[in-house]
Amino acid sequence: IIALERGVKYYQAMGEYGKAGDALAGVARFTKVPTYVSNSLVDAARLYLQAGQEDKAAELYAQVPGYGYGWASGIAAHDQARSLILLGNHKRAREILNRPGTGRGSEQVRVGLLALKGLSFYMTGELENAKVYSEQALAQYHGIAEPLPGEGLEGQVVTAEETLKWVEKWQKEPLNCEPRELTFTHPLT
Protein backbone atom coordinates (compact mmCIF):
# COMPACT_ATOMS: atom_id res chain seq x y z
CA ILE A 1 0.00 0.00 0.00
CA ILE A 2 2.81 2.43 0.84
CA ALA A 3 4.41 1.92 -2.59
CA LEU A 4 1.01 2.42 -4.24
CA GLU A 5 0.44 5.69 -2.39
CA ARG A 6 3.92 6.91 -3.31
CA GLY A 7 3.21 6.12 -6.95
CA VAL A 8 -0.05 8.04 -6.79
CA LYS A 9 1.72 11.05 -5.26
CA TYR A 10 4.41 10.87 -7.94
CA TYR A 11 1.86 10.86 -10.77
CA GLN A 12 -0.01 13.73 -9.14
CA ALA A 13 3.18 15.77 -8.82
CA MET A 14 3.85 15.15 -12.51
CA GLY A 15 0.32 16.26 -13.43
CA GLU A 16 -0.54 12.75 -14.63
CA TYR A 17 -3.92 12.60 -12.88
CA GLY A 18 -5.28 9.79 -15.05
CA LYS A 19 -2.32 7.55 -14.20
CA ALA A 20 -2.68 8.46 -10.53
CA GLY A 21 -6.36 7.53 -10.74
CA ASP A 22 -5.50 4.22 -12.44
CA ALA A 23 -3.06 3.35 -9.68
CA LEU A 24 -5.41 4.26 -6.86
CA ALA A 25 -8.43 2.60 -8.47
CA GLY A 26 -6.62 -0.74 -8.16
CA VAL A 27 -6.28 -0.54 -4.39
CA ALA A 28 -8.76 -3.40 -3.86
CA ARG A 29 -6.08 -5.77 -5.20
CA PHE A 30 -3.98 -5.01 -2.15
CA THR A 31 -6.48 -4.68 0.69
CA LYS A 32 -10.04 -5.63 1.46
CA VAL A 33 -10.59 -3.05 4.23
CA PRO A 34 -13.89 -1.47 3.14
CA THR A 35 -13.18 2.01 4.53
CA TYR A 36 -9.78 2.18 2.88
CA VAL A 37 -11.02 0.87 -0.46
CA SER A 38 -14.08 3.13 -0.61
CA ASN A 39 -12.09 6.23 0.38
CA SER A 40 -9.48 5.34 -2.25
CA LEU A 41 -12.14 4.94 -4.92
CA VAL A 42 -13.49 8.42 -4.15
CA ASP A 43 -9.97 9.86 -4.32
CA ALA A 44 -9.33 8.01 -7.60
CA ALA A 45 -12.61 9.33 -9.04
CA ARG A 46 -11.55 12.85 -8.11
CA LEU A 47 -8.23 12.30 -9.89
CA TYR A 48 -10.06 11.11 -12.99
CA LEU A 49 -12.16 14.27 -12.90
CA GLN A 50 -8.98 16.34 -12.78
CA ALA A 51 -7.78 14.40 -15.82
CA GLY A 52 -11.06 15.10 -17.63
CA GLN A 53 -12.06 11.43 -17.56
CA GLU A 54 -15.62 11.82 -16.30
CA ASP A 55 -16.74 8.33 -17.40
CA LYS A 56 -14.05 6.62 -15.35
CA ALA A 57 -14.89 8.83 -12.38
CA ALA A 58 -18.58 7.92 -12.65
CA GLU A 59 -17.71 4.20 -12.73
CA LEU A 60 -15.73 4.50 -9.51
CA TYR A 61 -18.33 6.64 -7.75
CA ALA A 62 -20.90 3.96 -8.58
CA GLN A 63 -18.75 1.29 -6.89
CA VAL A 64 -18.33 3.13 -3.58
CA PRO A 65 -21.71 2.27 -1.97
CA GLY A 66 -20.95 -1.44 -2.43
CA TYR A 67 -18.35 -1.23 0.33
CA GLY A 68 -20.93 -0.18 2.93
CA TYR A 69 -19.03 2.81 4.31
CA GLY A 70 -21.61 5.57 4.70
CA TRP A 71 -19.15 8.45 4.85
CA ALA A 72 -17.45 7.59 1.55
CA SER A 73 -20.78 6.80 -0.13
CA GLY A 74 -22.10 10.20 0.92
CA ILE A 75 -18.97 12.00 -0.25
CA ALA A 76 -19.27 10.23 -3.62
CA ALA A 77 -22.90 11.37 -3.89
CA HIS A 78 -21.94 14.92 -2.87
CA ASP A 79 -19.16 15.06 -5.48
CA GLN A 80 -21.46 13.83 -8.24
CA ALA A 81 -24.34 16.12 -7.28
CA ARG A 82 -22.06 19.14 -6.96
CA SER A 83 -20.70 18.55 -10.47
CA LEU A 84 -24.22 18.25 -11.85
CA ILE A 85 -25.33 21.43 -10.10
CA LEU A 86 -22.40 23.31 -11.61
CA LEU A 87 -23.59 22.08 -15.02
CA GLY A 88 -27.13 23.27 -14.23
CA ASN A 89 -28.58 19.76 -13.96
CA HIS A 90 -30.36 20.26 -10.65
CA LYS A 91 -32.95 17.54 -11.27
CA ARG A 92 -30.35 14.78 -11.65
CA ALA A 93 -28.31 16.19 -8.75
CA ARG A 94 -31.34 16.03 -6.48
CA GLU A 95 -32.02 12.44 -7.51
CA ILE A 96 -28.53 11.55 -6.32
CA LEU A 97 -28.96 13.57 -3.12
CA ASN A 98 -32.24 11.74 -2.40
CA ARG A 99 -30.57 8.34 -2.19
CA PRO A 100 -30.75 7.03 1.35
CA GLY A 101 -27.36 6.78 3.00
CA THR A 102 -26.51 3.96 5.34
CA GLY A 103 -23.43 2.71 7.09
CA ARG A 104 -20.88 4.26 9.40
CA GLY A 105 -20.64 8.02 9.01
CA SER A 106 -23.82 8.41 6.98
CA GLU A 107 -25.47 10.55 9.66
CA GLN A 108 -22.51 12.94 9.49
CA VAL A 109 -22.24 13.22 5.72
CA ARG A 110 -26.00 13.73 5.51
CA VAL A 111 -25.35 17.30 6.74
CA GLY A 112 -23.52 18.08 3.51
CA LEU A 113 -26.05 16.33 1.32
CA LEU A 114 -28.92 18.32 2.83
CA ALA A 115 -26.98 21.59 2.64
CA LEU A 116 -26.18 20.99 -1.04
CA LYS A 117 -29.78 20.13 -1.76
CA GLY A 118 -30.88 23.36 -0.08
CA LEU A 119 -28.37 25.32 -2.15
CA SER A 120 -29.61 23.66 -5.33
CA PHE A 121 -33.18 24.70 -4.59
CA TYR A 122 -32.00 28.24 -3.83
CA MET A 123 -30.17 28.40 -7.14
CA THR A 124 -33.35 27.48 -9.01
CA GLY A 125 -35.46 30.01 -7.11
CA GLU A 126 -37.37 27.43 -5.08
CA LEU A 127 -36.92 29.32 -1.83
CA GLU A 128 -39.27 27.33 0.40
CA ASN A 129 -37.53 24.06 -0.45
CA ALA A 130 -34.16 25.76 -0.02
CA LYS A 131 -35.21 26.82 3.46
CA VAL A 132 -36.54 23.37 4.39
CA TYR A 133 -33.40 21.48 3.37
CA SER A 134 -31.01 24.05 4.82
CA GLU A 135 -32.84 23.89 8.14
CA GLN A 136 -32.72 20.09 8.00
CA ALA A 137 -28.96 20.26 7.41
CA LEU A 138 -28.51 22.41 10.52
CA ALA A 139 -30.79 20.18 12.60
CA GLN A 140 -28.88 17.12 11.41
CA TYR A 141 -25.57 18.71 12.40
CA HIS A 142 -26.79 19.80 15.81
CA GLY A 143 -28.21 16.31 16.41
CA ILE A 144 -24.79 14.67 16.03
CA ALA A 145 -23.24 13.92 19.42
CA GLU A 146 -19.66 14.15 18.15
CA PRO A 147 -19.27 15.78 14.73
CA LEU A 148 -16.11 14.66 12.94
CA PRO A 149 -13.53 17.44 13.24
CA GLY A 150 -11.55 18.53 10.21
CA GLU A 151 -13.71 16.71 7.66
CA GLY A 152 -15.44 19.78 6.24
CA LEU A 153 -18.70 19.54 8.16
CA GLU A 154 -18.29 23.09 9.39
CA GLY A 155 -18.19 24.30 5.80
CA GLN A 156 -21.42 22.48 5.08
CA VAL A 157 -23.02 24.18 8.08
CA VAL A 158 -21.87 27.54 6.73
CA THR A 159 -23.41 26.68 3.33
CA ALA A 160 -26.75 25.93 5.01
CA GLU A 161 -26.60 29.09 7.15
CA GLU A 162 -25.69 31.30 4.17
CA THR A 163 -28.45 29.76 2.08
CA LEU A 164 -30.95 30.57 4.82
CA LYS A 165 -29.69 34.16 4.99
CA TRP A 166 -30.12 34.59 1.24
CA VAL A 167 -33.55 32.99 1.30
CA GLU A 168 -34.63 35.42 4.01
CA LYS A 169 -33.17 38.35 2.11
CA TRP A 170 -34.97 37.43 -1.12
CA GLN A 171 -38.24 36.77 0.66
CA LYS A 172 -38.09 40.22 2.28
CA GLU A 173 -36.71 42.14 -0.70
CA PRO A 174 -37.10 40.28 -4.00
CA LEU A 175 -35.68 43.28 -5.81
CA ASN A 176 -32.65 45.01 -4.39
CA CYS A 177 -31.08 47.95 -6.20
CA GLU A 178 -27.86 49.46 -4.97
CA PRO A 179 -26.63 52.73 -6.40
CA ARG A 180 -23.43 52.57 -8.38
CA GLU A 181 -20.46 54.34 -6.93
CA LEU A 182 -19.03 57.19 -8.92
CA THR A 183 -15.36 57.97 -8.40
CA PHE A 184 -12.80 60.31 -9.92
CA THR A 185 -10.76 59.04 -12.81
CA HIS A 186 -7.00 59.24 -12.64
CA PRO A 187 -5.70 62.79 -13.03
CA LEU A 188 -4.13 63.84 -16.30
CA THR A 189 -0.41 63.55 -16.31
C-alpha atoms as a PDB file:
ATOM      1  CA  ILE A   1       0.000   0.000   0.000  1.00  0.00           C
ATOM      2  CA  ILE A   2       2.812   2.431   0.839  1.00  0.00           C
ATOM      3  CA  ALA A   3       4.408   1.922  -2.585  1.00  0.00           C
ATOM      4  CA  LEU A   4       1.009   2.419  -4.237  1.00  0.00           C
ATOM      5  CA  GLU A   5       0.442   5.692  -2.391  1.00  0.00           C
ATOM      6  CA  ARG A   6       3.924   6.911  -3.307  1.00  0.00           C
ATOM      7  CA  GLY A   7       3.207   6.122  -6.950  1.00  0.00           C
ATOM      8  CA  VAL A   8      -0.047   8.038  -6.787  1.00  0.00           C
ATOM      9  CA  LYS A   9       1.718  11.050  -5.262  1.00  0.00           C
ATOM     10  CA  TYR A  10       4.409  10.875  -7.944  1.00  0.00           C
ATOM     11  CA  TYR A  11       1.860  10.858 -10.766  1.00  0.00           C
ATOM     12  CA  GLN A  12      -0.012  13.735  -9.136  1.00  0.00           C
ATOM     13  CA  ALA A  13       3.176  15.773  -8.821  1.00  0.00           C
ATOM     14  CA  MET A  14       3.851  15.153 -12.506  1.00  0.00           C
ATOM     15  CA  GLY A  15       0.322  16.259 -13.431  1.00  0.00           C
ATOM     16  CA  GLU A  16      -0.536  12.746 -14.625  1.00  0.00           C
ATOM     17  CA  TYR A  17      -3.917  12.597 -12.884  1.00  0.00           C
ATOM     18  CA  GLY A  18      -5.282   9.789 -15.050  1.00  0.00           C
ATOM     19  CA  LYS A  19      -2.323   7.551 -14.198  1.00  0.00           C
ATOM     20  CA  ALA A  20      -2.682   8.461 -10.526  1.00  0.00           C
ATOM     21  CA  GLY A  21      -6.358   7.530 -10.739  1.00  0.00           C
ATOM     22  CA  ASP A  22      -5.501   4.221 -12.439  1.00  0.00           C
ATOM     23  CA  ALA A  23      -3.057   3.345  -9.681  1.00  0.00           C
ATOM     24  CA  LEU A  24      -5.407   4.258  -6.861  1.00  0.00           C
ATOM     25  CA  ALA A  25      -8.425   2.604  -8.466  1.00  0.00           C
ATOM     26  CA  GLY A  26      -6.621  -0.736  -8.162  1.00  0.00           C
ATOM     27  CA  VAL A  27      -6.280  -0.541  -4.392  1.00  0.00           C
ATOM     28  CA  ALA A  28      -8.760  -3.402  -3.863  1.00  0.00           C
ATOM     29  CA  ARG A  29      -6.084  -5.770  -5.204  1.00  0.00           C
ATOM     30  CA  PHE A  30      -3.978  -5.008  -2.148  1.00  0.00           C
ATOM     31  CA  THR A  31      -6.482  -4.677   0.689  1.00  0.00           C
ATOM     32  CA  LYS A  32     -10.041  -5.632   1.456  1.00  0.00           C
ATOM     33  CA  VAL A  33     -10.586  -3.050   4.231  1.00  0.00           C
ATOM     34  CA  PRO A  34     -13.894  -1.465   3.142  1.00  0.00           C
ATOM     35  CA  THR A  35     -13.184   2.010   4.527  1.00  0.00           C
ATOM     36  CA  TYR A  36      -9.780   2.180   2.877  1.00  0.00           C
ATOM     37  CA  VAL A  37     -11.016   0.865  -0.463  1.00  0.00           C
ATOM     38  CA  SER A  38     -14.078   3.133  -0.608  1.00  0.00           C
ATOM     39  CA  ASN A  39     -12.089   6.231   0.380  1.00  0.00           C
ATOM     40  CA  SER A  40      -9.481   5.341  -2.246  1.00  0.00           C
ATOM     41  CA  LEU A  41     -12.143   4.936  -4.920  1.00  0.00           C
ATOM     42  CA  VAL A  42     -13.494   8.418  -4.155  1.00  0.00           C
ATOM     43  CA  ASP A  43      -9.970   9.858  -4.320  1.00  0.00           C
ATOM     44  CA  ALA A  44      -9.331   8.014  -7.604  1.00  0.00           C
ATOM     45  CA  ALA A  45     -12.605   9.330  -9.036  1.00  0.00           C
ATOM     46  CA  ARG A  46     -11.550  12.854  -8.115  1.00  0.00           C
ATOM     47  CA  LEU A  47      -8.226  12.300  -9.890  1.00  0.00           C
ATOM     48  CA  TYR A  48     -10.063  11.113 -12.991  1.00  0.00           C
ATOM     49  CA  LEU A  49     -12.157  14.269 -12.899  1.00  0.00           C
ATOM     50  CA  GLN A  50      -8.977  16.342 -12.783  1.00  0.00           C
ATOM     51  CA  ALA A  51      -7.775  14.399 -15.820  1.00  0.00           C
ATOM     52  CA  GLY A  52     -11.056  15.103 -17.634  1.00  0.00           C
ATOM     53  CA  GLN A  53     -12.062  11.427 -17.557  1.00  0.00           C
ATOM     54  CA  GLU A  54     -15.625  11.822 -16.303  1.00  0.00           C
ATOM     55  CA  ASP A  55     -16.745   8.335 -17.397  1.00  0.00           C
ATOM     56  CA  LYS A  56     -14.046   6.618 -15.350  1.00  0.00           C
ATOM     57  CA  ALA A  57     -14.894   8.829 -12.381  1.00  0.00           C
ATOM     58  CA  ALA A  58     -18.580   7.923 -12.654  1.00  0.00           C
ATOM     59  CA  GLU A  59     -17.707   4.202 -12.732  1.00  0.00           C
ATOM     60  CA  LEU A  60     -15.731   4.501  -9.510  1.00  0.00           C
ATOM     61  CA  TYR A  61     -18.327   6.639  -7.754  1.00  0.00           C
ATOM     62  CA  ALA A  62     -20.899   3.956  -8.579  1.00  0.00           C
ATOM     63  CA  GLN A  63     -18.755   1.287  -6.885  1.00  0.00           C
ATOM     64  CA  VAL A  64     -18.327   3.125  -3.585  1.00  0.00           C
ATOM     65  CA  PRO A  65     -21.712   2.266  -1.966  1.00  0.00           C
ATOM     66  CA  GLY A  66     -20.951  -1.440  -2.428  1.00  0.00           C
ATOM     67  CA  TYR A  67     -18.348  -1.232   0.325  1.00  0.00           C
ATOM     68  CA  GLY A  68     -20.929  -0.177   2.926  1.00  0.00           C
ATOM     69  CA  TYR A  69     -19.034   2.805   4.314  1.00  0.00           C
ATOM     70  CA  GLY A  70     -21.611   5.566   4.697  1.00  0.00           C
ATOM     71  CA  TRP A  71     -19.149   8.451   4.854  1.00  0.00           C
ATOM     72  CA  ALA A  72     -17.448   7.594   1.552  1.00  0.00           C
ATOM     73  CA  SER A  73     -20.776   6.805  -0.133  1.00  0.00           C
ATOM     74  CA  GLY A  74     -22.096  10.201   0.918  1.00  0.00           C
ATOM     75  CA  ILE A  75     -18.966  11.999  -0.254  1.00  0.00           C
ATOM     76  CA  ALA A  76     -19.269  10.225  -3.617  1.00  0.00           C
ATOM     77  CA  ALA A  77     -22.900  11.367  -3.887  1.00  0.00           C
ATOM     78  CA  HIS A  78     -21.940  14.915  -2.866  1.00  0.00           C
ATOM     79  CA  ASP A  79     -19.159  15.061  -5.477  1.00  0.00           C
ATOM     80  CA  GLN A  80     -21.459  13.835  -8.243  1.00  0.00           C
ATOM     81  CA  ALA A  81     -24.342  16.116  -7.279  1.00  0.00           C
ATOM     82  CA  ARG A  82     -22.060  19.137  -6.962  1.00  0.00           C
ATOM     83  CA  SER A  83     -20.701  18.548 -10.470  1.00  0.00           C
ATOM     84  CA  LEU A  84     -24.219  18.245 -11.855  1.00  0.00           C
ATOM     85  CA  ILE A  85     -25.331  21.426 -10.097  1.00  0.00           C
ATOM     86  CA  LEU A  86     -22.399  23.311 -11.614  1.00  0.00           C
ATOM     87  CA  LEU A  87     -23.585  22.080 -15.016  1.00  0.00           C
ATOM     88  CA  GLY A  88     -27.131  23.274 -14.234  1.00  0.00           C
ATOM     89  CA  ASN A  89     -28.579  19.764 -13.965  1.00  0.00           C
ATOM     90  CA  HIS A  90     -30.364  20.260 -10.652  1.00  0.00           C
ATOM     91  CA  LYS A  91     -32.945  17.541 -11.274  1.00  0.00           C
ATOM     92  CA  ARG A  92     -30.347  14.778 -11.649  1.00  0.00           C
ATOM     93  CA  ALA A  93     -28.310  16.186  -8.752  1.00  0.00           C
ATOM     94  CA  ARG A  94     -31.342  16.030  -6.480  1.00  0.00           C
ATOM     95  CA  GLU A  95     -32.015  12.445  -7.507  1.00  0.00           C
ATOM     96  CA  ILE A  96     -28.530  11.548  -6.318  1.00  0.00           C
ATOM     97  CA  LEU A  97     -28.957  13.573  -3.124  1.00  0.00           C
ATOM     98  CA  ASN A  98     -32.240  11.743  -2.400  1.00  0.00           C
ATOM     99  CA  ARG A  99     -30.567   8.337  -2.192  1.00  0.00           C
ATOM    100  CA  PRO A 100     -30.746   7.028   1.355  1.00  0.00           C
ATOM    101  CA  GLY A 101     -27.357   6.779   2.995  1.00  0.00           C
ATOM    102  CA  THR A 102     -26.515   3.956   5.340  1.00  0.00           C
ATOM    103  CA  GLY A 103     -23.427   2.708   7.093  1.00  0.00           C
ATOM    104  CA  ARG A 104     -20.884   4.261   9.399  1.00  0.00           C
ATOM    105  CA  GLY A 105     -20.635   8.020   9.010  1.00  0.00           C
ATOM    106  CA  SER A 106     -23.816   8.409   6.981  1.00  0.00           C
ATOM    107  CA  GLU A 107     -25.468  10.549   9.661  1.00  0.00           C
ATOM    108  CA  GLN A 108     -22.514  12.939   9.492  1.00  0.00           C
ATOM    109  CA  VAL A 109     -22.241  13.221   5.716  1.00  0.00           C
ATOM    110  CA  ARG A 110     -25.999  13.733   5.513  1.00  0.00           C
ATOM    111  CA  VAL A 111     -25.346  17.299   6.736  1.00  0.00           C
ATOM    112  CA  GLY A 112     -23.515  18.083   3.513  1.00  0.00           C
ATOM    113  CA  LEU A 113     -26.053  16.328   1.316  1.00  0.00           C
ATOM    114  CA  LEU A 114     -28.923  18.316   2.826  1.00  0.00           C
ATOM    115  CA  ALA A 115     -26.979  21.589   2.643  1.00  0.00           C
ATOM    116  CA  LEU A 116     -26.176  20.993  -1.037  1.00  0.00           C
ATOM    117  CA  LYS A 117     -29.785  20.130  -1.764  1.00  0.00           C
ATOM    118  CA  GLY A 118     -30.883  23.362  -0.081  1.00  0.00           C
ATOM    119  CA  LEU A 119     -28.372  25.321  -2.147  1.00  0.00           C
ATOM    120  CA  SER A 120     -29.614  23.655  -5.329  1.00  0.00           C
ATOM    121  CA  PHE A 121     -33.179  24.699  -4.590  1.00  0.00           C
ATOM    122  CA  TYR A 122     -31.996  28.237  -3.828  1.00  0.00           C
ATOM    123  CA  MET A 123     -30.167  28.403  -7.144  1.00  0.00           C
ATOM    124  CA  THR A 124     -33.351  27.480  -9.013  1.00  0.00           C
ATOM    125  CA  GLY A 125     -35.458  30.013  -7.110  1.00  0.00           C
ATOM    126  CA  GLU A 126     -37.366  27.426  -5.077  1.00  0.00           C
ATOM    127  CA  LEU A 127     -36.923  29.322  -1.834  1.00  0.00           C
ATOM    128  CA  GLU A 128     -39.272  27.334   0.403  1.00  0.00           C
ATOM    129  CA  ASN A 129     -37.527  24.061  -0.454  1.00  0.00           C
ATOM    130  CA  ALA A 130     -34.160  25.760  -0.019  1.00  0.00           C
ATOM    131  CA  LYS A 131     -35.210  26.817   3.458  1.00  0.00           C
ATOM    132  CA  VAL A 132     -36.543  23.375   4.395  1.00  0.00           C
ATOM    133  CA  TYR A 133     -33.399  21.483   3.368  1.00  0.00           C
ATOM    134  CA  SER A 134     -31.008  24.053   4.816  1.00  0.00           C
ATOM    135  CA  GLU A 135     -32.843  23.892   8.142  1.00  0.00           C
ATOM    136  CA  GLN A 136     -32.721  20.095   7.995  1.00  0.00           C
ATOM    137  CA  ALA A 137     -28.957  20.256   7.408  1.00  0.00           C
ATOM    138  CA  LEU A 138     -28.510  22.406  10.516  1.00  0.00           C
ATOM    139  CA  ALA A 139     -30.789  20.185  12.599  1.00  0.00           C
ATOM    140  CA  GLN A 140     -28.877  17.118  11.406  1.00  0.00           C
ATOM    141  CA  TYR A 141     -25.569  18.714  12.397  1.00  0.00           C
ATOM    142  CA  HIS A 142     -26.791  19.802  15.813  1.00  0.00           C
ATOM    143  CA  GLY A 143     -28.207  16.309  16.413  1.00  0.00           C
ATOM    144  CA  ILE A 144     -24.786  14.670  16.034  1.00  0.00           C
ATOM    145  CA  ALA A 145     -23.240  13.923  19.419  1.00  0.00           C
ATOM    146  CA  GLU A 146     -19.656  14.154  18.150  1.00  0.00           C
ATOM    147  CA  PRO A 147     -19.268  15.781  14.730  1.00  0.00           C
ATOM    148  CA  LEU A 148     -16.114  14.660  12.936  1.00  0.00           C
ATOM    149  CA  PRO A 149     -13.534  17.440  13.245  1.00  0.00           C
ATOM    150  CA  GLY A 150     -11.554  18.527  10.211  1.00  0.00           C
ATOM    151  CA  GLU A 151     -13.712  16.708   7.659  1.00  0.00           C
ATOM    152  CA  GLY A 152     -15.441  19.779   6.237  1.00  0.00           C
ATOM    153  CA  LEU A 153     -18.705  19.539   8.158  1.00  0.00           C
ATOM    154  CA  GLU A 154     -18.291  23.085   9.393  1.00  0.00           C
ATOM    155  CA  GLY A 155     -18.186  24.304   5.800  1.00  0.00           C
ATOM    156  CA  GLN A 156     -21.424  22.476   5.081  1.00  0.00           C
ATOM    157  CA  VAL A 157     -23.021  24.177   8.081  1.00  0.00           C
ATOM    158  CA  VAL A 158     -21.868  27.539   6.727  1.00  0.00           C
ATOM    159  CA  THR A 159     -23.414  26.679   3.334  1.00  0.00           C
ATOM    160  CA  ALA A 160     -26.754  25.931   5.011  1.00  0.00           C
ATOM    161  CA  GLU A 161     -26.603  29.087   7.148  1.00  0.00           C
ATOM    162  CA  GLU A 162     -25.693  31.295   4.175  1.00  0.00           C
ATOM    163  CA  THR A 163     -28.451  29.764   2.077  1.00  0.00           C
ATOM    164  CA  LEU A 164     -30.951  30.572   4.825  1.00  0.00           C
ATOM    165  CA  LYS A 165     -29.685  34.163   4.994  1.00  0.00           C
ATOM    166  CA  TRP A 166     -30.116  34.594   1.236  1.00  0.00           C
ATOM    167  CA  VAL A 167     -33.550  32.993   1.299  1.00  0.00           C
ATOM    168  CA  GLU A 168     -34.629  35.415   4.014  1.00  0.00           C
ATOM    169  CA  LYS A 169     -33.169  38.351   2.110  1.00  0.00           C
ATOM    170  CA  TRP A 170     -34.967  37.429  -1.123  1.00  0.00           C
ATOM    171  CA  GLN A 171     -38.241  36.771   0.658  1.00  0.00           C
ATOM    172  CA  LYS A 172     -38.091  40.218   2.281  1.00  0.00           C
ATOM    173  CA  GLU A 173     -36.710  42.135  -0.699  1.00  0.00           C
ATOM    174  CA  PRO A 174     -37.096  40.283  -4.000  1.00  0.00           C
ATOM    175  CA  LEU A 175     -35.680  43.285  -5.810  1.00  0.00           C
ATOM    176  CA  ASN A 176     -32.654  45.010  -4.388  1.00  0.00           C
ATOM    177  CA  CYS A 177     -31.078  47.945  -6.198  1.00  0.00           C
ATOM    178  CA  GLU A 178     -27.860  49.455  -4.970  1.00  0.00           C
ATOM    179  CA  PRO A 179     -26.628  52.734  -6.404  1.00  0.00           C
ATOM    180  CA  ARG A 180     -23.431  52.573  -8.385  1.00  0.00           C
ATOM    181  CA  GLU A 181     -20.463  54.341  -6.929  1.00  0.00           C
ATOM    182  CA  LEU A 182     -19.030  57.185  -8.916  1.00  0.00           C
ATOM    183  CA  THR A 183     -15.358  57.967  -8.396  1.00  0.00           C
ATOM    184  CA  PHE A 184     -12.797  60.310  -9.922  1.00  0.00           C
ATOM    185  CA  THR A 185     -10.756  59.043 -12.810  1.00  0.00           C
ATOM    186  CA  HIS A 186      -6.997  59.242 -12.639  1.00  0.00           C
ATOM    187  CA  PRO A 187      -5.704  62.792 -13.031  1.00  0.00           C
ATOM    188  CA  LEU A 188      -4.132  63.837 -16.296  1.00  0.00           C
ATOM    189  CA  THR A 189      -0.410  63.549 -16.315  1.00  0.00           C
END
